[in-house]
Protein backbone atom coordinates (compact mmCIF):
# COMPACT_ATOMS: atom_id res chain seq x y z
CA MET A 1 -5.84 -11.54 -13.16
CA LYS A 2 -3.14 -9.09 -14.06
CA VAL A 3 -0.96 -7.57 -11.35
CA ARG A 4 0.81 -4.32 -12.08
CA LEU A 5 3.60 -3.09 -9.85
CA LEU A 6 3.49 0.71 -10.21
CA THR A 7 6.68 2.27 -8.93
CA VAL A 8 8.37 5.64 -8.67
CA GLY A 9 11.85 5.62 -10.15
CA THR A 10 13.02 4.78 -13.62
CA ARG A 11 16.73 4.17 -13.13
CA VAL A 12 17.67 1.09 -11.16
CA PRO A 13 20.69 -1.21 -11.21
CA ASP A 14 20.60 -4.00 -13.79
CA TRP A 15 20.47 -6.64 -11.05
CA ILE A 16 17.15 -5.20 -9.84
CA ASP A 17 15.61 -5.55 -13.28
CA GLU A 18 17.07 -9.04 -13.65
CA GLY A 19 15.70 -10.12 -10.27
CA PHE A 20 12.24 -8.77 -11.03
CA ASP A 21 12.21 -10.34 -14.50
CA THR A 22 13.35 -13.71 -13.12
CA TYR A 23 10.35 -14.05 -10.83
CA ALA A 24 7.79 -12.30 -13.05
CA SER A 25 8.64 -14.66 -15.91
CA ARG A 26 7.94 -17.69 -13.68
CA LEU A 27 4.34 -16.64 -13.08
CA PRO A 28 1.68 -18.06 -15.40
CA ARG A 29 -0.39 -15.85 -17.70
CA GLU A 30 -3.39 -16.04 -15.38
CA ASN A 31 -1.28 -14.41 -12.65
CA ALA A 32 0.86 -12.17 -14.85
CA LEU A 33 3.01 -9.53 -13.15
CA PHE A 34 4.00 -6.35 -14.97
CA LEU A 35 6.21 -3.46 -13.92
CA GLU A 36 5.31 0.14 -14.75
CA SER A 37 7.52 2.96 -13.53
CA VAL A 38 6.94 6.69 -13.35
CA SER A 39 9.64 9.29 -13.14
CA PRO A 40 10.49 10.67 -9.73
CA SER A 41 9.94 14.29 -8.87
CA ARG A 42 12.81 16.67 -9.50
CA ARG A 43 11.82 18.94 -6.63
CA ARG A 44 14.34 19.95 -4.02
CA ALA A 45 14.23 18.43 -0.55
CA SER A 46 12.76 21.70 0.77
CA ASP A 47 9.71 21.11 -1.45
CA ARG A 48 9.32 17.42 -0.64
CA GLU A 49 5.52 17.52 -0.21
CA ARG A 50 5.00 19.00 -3.65
CA GLY A 51 7.34 16.40 -5.13
CA VAL A 52 5.47 13.51 -3.52
CA ALA A 53 2.20 15.04 -4.79
CA GLU A 54 3.59 15.11 -8.35
CA GLU A 55 4.59 11.46 -8.06
CA ALA A 56 1.09 10.68 -6.81
CA ASP A 57 -0.39 12.35 -9.89
CA ARG A 58 1.72 10.09 -12.11
CA LEU A 59 0.89 6.91 -10.18
CA LEU A 60 -2.82 7.62 -9.91
CA ALA A 61 -3.03 8.39 -13.64
CA LYS A 62 -1.94 4.79 -14.34
CA LEU A 63 -4.81 3.30 -12.33
CA LYS A 64 -7.92 1.93 -13.96
CA PRO A 65 -11.31 2.47 -12.28
CA ARG A 66 -11.79 -1.22 -11.41
CA ASP A 67 -8.25 -1.84 -10.16
CA LEU A 68 -7.93 -3.33 -6.71
CA VAL A 69 -5.29 -0.96 -5.33
CA VAL A 70 -2.74 -2.10 -2.78
CA ALA A 71 -0.36 0.47 -1.31
CA LEU A 72 2.99 -0.76 -0.09
CA ASP A 73 3.35 1.20 3.11
CA GLU A 74 5.44 0.69 6.23
CA ARG A 75 2.30 1.16 8.33
CA GLY A 76 0.37 -1.49 6.42
CA ASP A 77 -0.43 -5.06 7.35
CA THR A 78 2.40 -7.57 7.45
CA TRP A 79 1.63 -11.01 6.08
CA SER A 80 3.29 -14.36 6.35
CA THR A 81 3.85 -16.28 3.13
CA GLN A 82 0.68 -18.27 3.77
CA GLN A 83 -1.30 -15.09 4.43
CA LEU A 84 -0.01 -13.56 1.21
CA SER A 85 -1.08 -16.65 -0.70
CA GLU A 86 -4.57 -16.22 0.77
CA GLN A 87 -4.54 -12.56 -0.26
CA LEU A 88 -3.54 -13.64 -3.77
CA ARG A 89 -6.40 -16.16 -3.81
CA SER A 90 -8.83 -13.45 -2.70
CA TRP A 91 -7.55 -11.02 -5.32
CA ARG A 92 -7.95 -13.67 -8.02
CA GLN A 93 -11.50 -14.41 -6.89
CA SER A 94 -12.42 -10.72 -6.97
CA GLY A 95 -12.28 -10.75 -10.75
CA ARG A 96 -10.32 -7.50 -10.75
CA ASP A 97 -6.81 -6.61 -11.77
CA VAL A 98 -4.47 -5.56 -8.97
CA ALA A 99 -2.30 -2.44 -8.87
CA LEU A 100 0.48 -2.39 -6.27
CA LEU A 101 1.72 1.14 -5.54
CA VAL A 102 5.33 1.72 -4.49
CA GLY A 103 6.41 5.25 -3.66
CA GLY A 104 9.78 6.84 -4.10
CA PRO A 105 12.27 7.64 -1.36
CA ASP A 106 9.76 9.96 0.33
CA GLY A 107 6.92 7.44 0.26
CA LEU A 108 3.39 7.58 -1.08
CA HIS A 109 1.21 10.67 -0.95
CA ALA A 110 -1.96 10.55 1.17
CA ARG A 111 -4.06 10.48 -2.03
CA CYS A 112 -2.43 7.17 -3.01
CA LEU A 113 -3.02 5.74 0.45
CA ASP A 114 -6.64 6.91 0.36
CA ARG A 115 -7.20 5.27 -3.04
CA ALA A 116 -5.81 1.96 -1.77
CA GLU A 117 -8.19 -0.70 -0.49
CA VAL A 118 -5.34 -2.53 1.20
CA ARG A 119 -2.03 -1.43 2.73
CA TRP A 120 0.77 -3.98 2.76
CA SER A 121 4.02 -3.69 4.68
CA LEU A 122 6.85 -5.91 3.50
CA SER A 123 8.84 -5.28 6.66
CA PRO A 124 9.24 -2.84 9.52
CA LEU A 125 12.73 -2.24 8.10
CA THR A 126 13.36 0.67 5.76
CA LEU A 127 14.03 -0.91 2.37
CA PRO A 128 15.49 0.66 -0.76
CA HIS A 129 12.45 1.29 -2.94
CA ALA A 130 14.12 -0.34 -5.98
CA LEU A 131 14.72 -3.53 -3.99
CA VAL A 132 10.99 -3.71 -3.27
CA ARG A 133 10.47 -4.64 -6.94
CA VAL A 134 12.43 -7.86 -6.50
CA LEU A 135 10.94 -8.68 -3.10
CA VAL A 136 7.36 -8.26 -4.32
CA ALA A 137 7.95 -10.32 -7.46
CA GLU A 138 9.57 -13.14 -5.47
CA GLN A 139 6.87 -13.13 -2.81
CA LEU A 140 4.06 -13.17 -5.37
CA TYR A 141 5.78 -16.07 -7.12
CA ARG A 142 6.13 -17.90 -3.80
CA ALA A 143 2.46 -17.25 -2.94
CA TRP A 144 1.39 -18.54 -6.35
CA THR A 145 3.43 -21.73 -5.86
CA LEU A 146 1.60 -22.38 -2.60
CA LEU A 147 -1.79 -21.92 -4.27
CA SER A 148 -0.67 -24.29 -7.02
CA GLY A 149 0.30 -27.01 -4.55
CA HIS A 150 4.05 -26.71 -5.03
CA PRO A 151 6.16 -27.35 -1.93
CA TYR A 152 8.04 -24.08 -2.40
CA HIS A 153 7.61 -22.89 1.18
CA ARG A 154 8.90 -25.15 3.89
CA GLU A 155 7.53 -25.06 7.40
């Protein structure tokens, strides 16, 4: 199974890229994690809806027909580490690649949310969208370690 983290935003601090790469490189080939970014809209704040729609066009163009699409959305389901590991197990058993959608500062367009089969909320807190890259990579690594029998998570 290949997991692609599809994000809006192409310029992030080096420490974000380093954090993502650290955890993505720890995952085995059968659970590979890749980052693909699209450029953010250059629309003015007064035309926010049109800008979010443009970002949606770019994200949706990267999807493959069989992708299992997961939207990262503040109104989505929150999962414990154990629940995420079960989600990861289910995704692996589906035989499909997974595409995780992360919007820009103004979030995901309704078309992205409609295309998603699952909505996942990392936290009720508002998080910088670049930081989400590191959090998702670390949590997927942690979930994989649980499925592999490693004592990474302590109860």
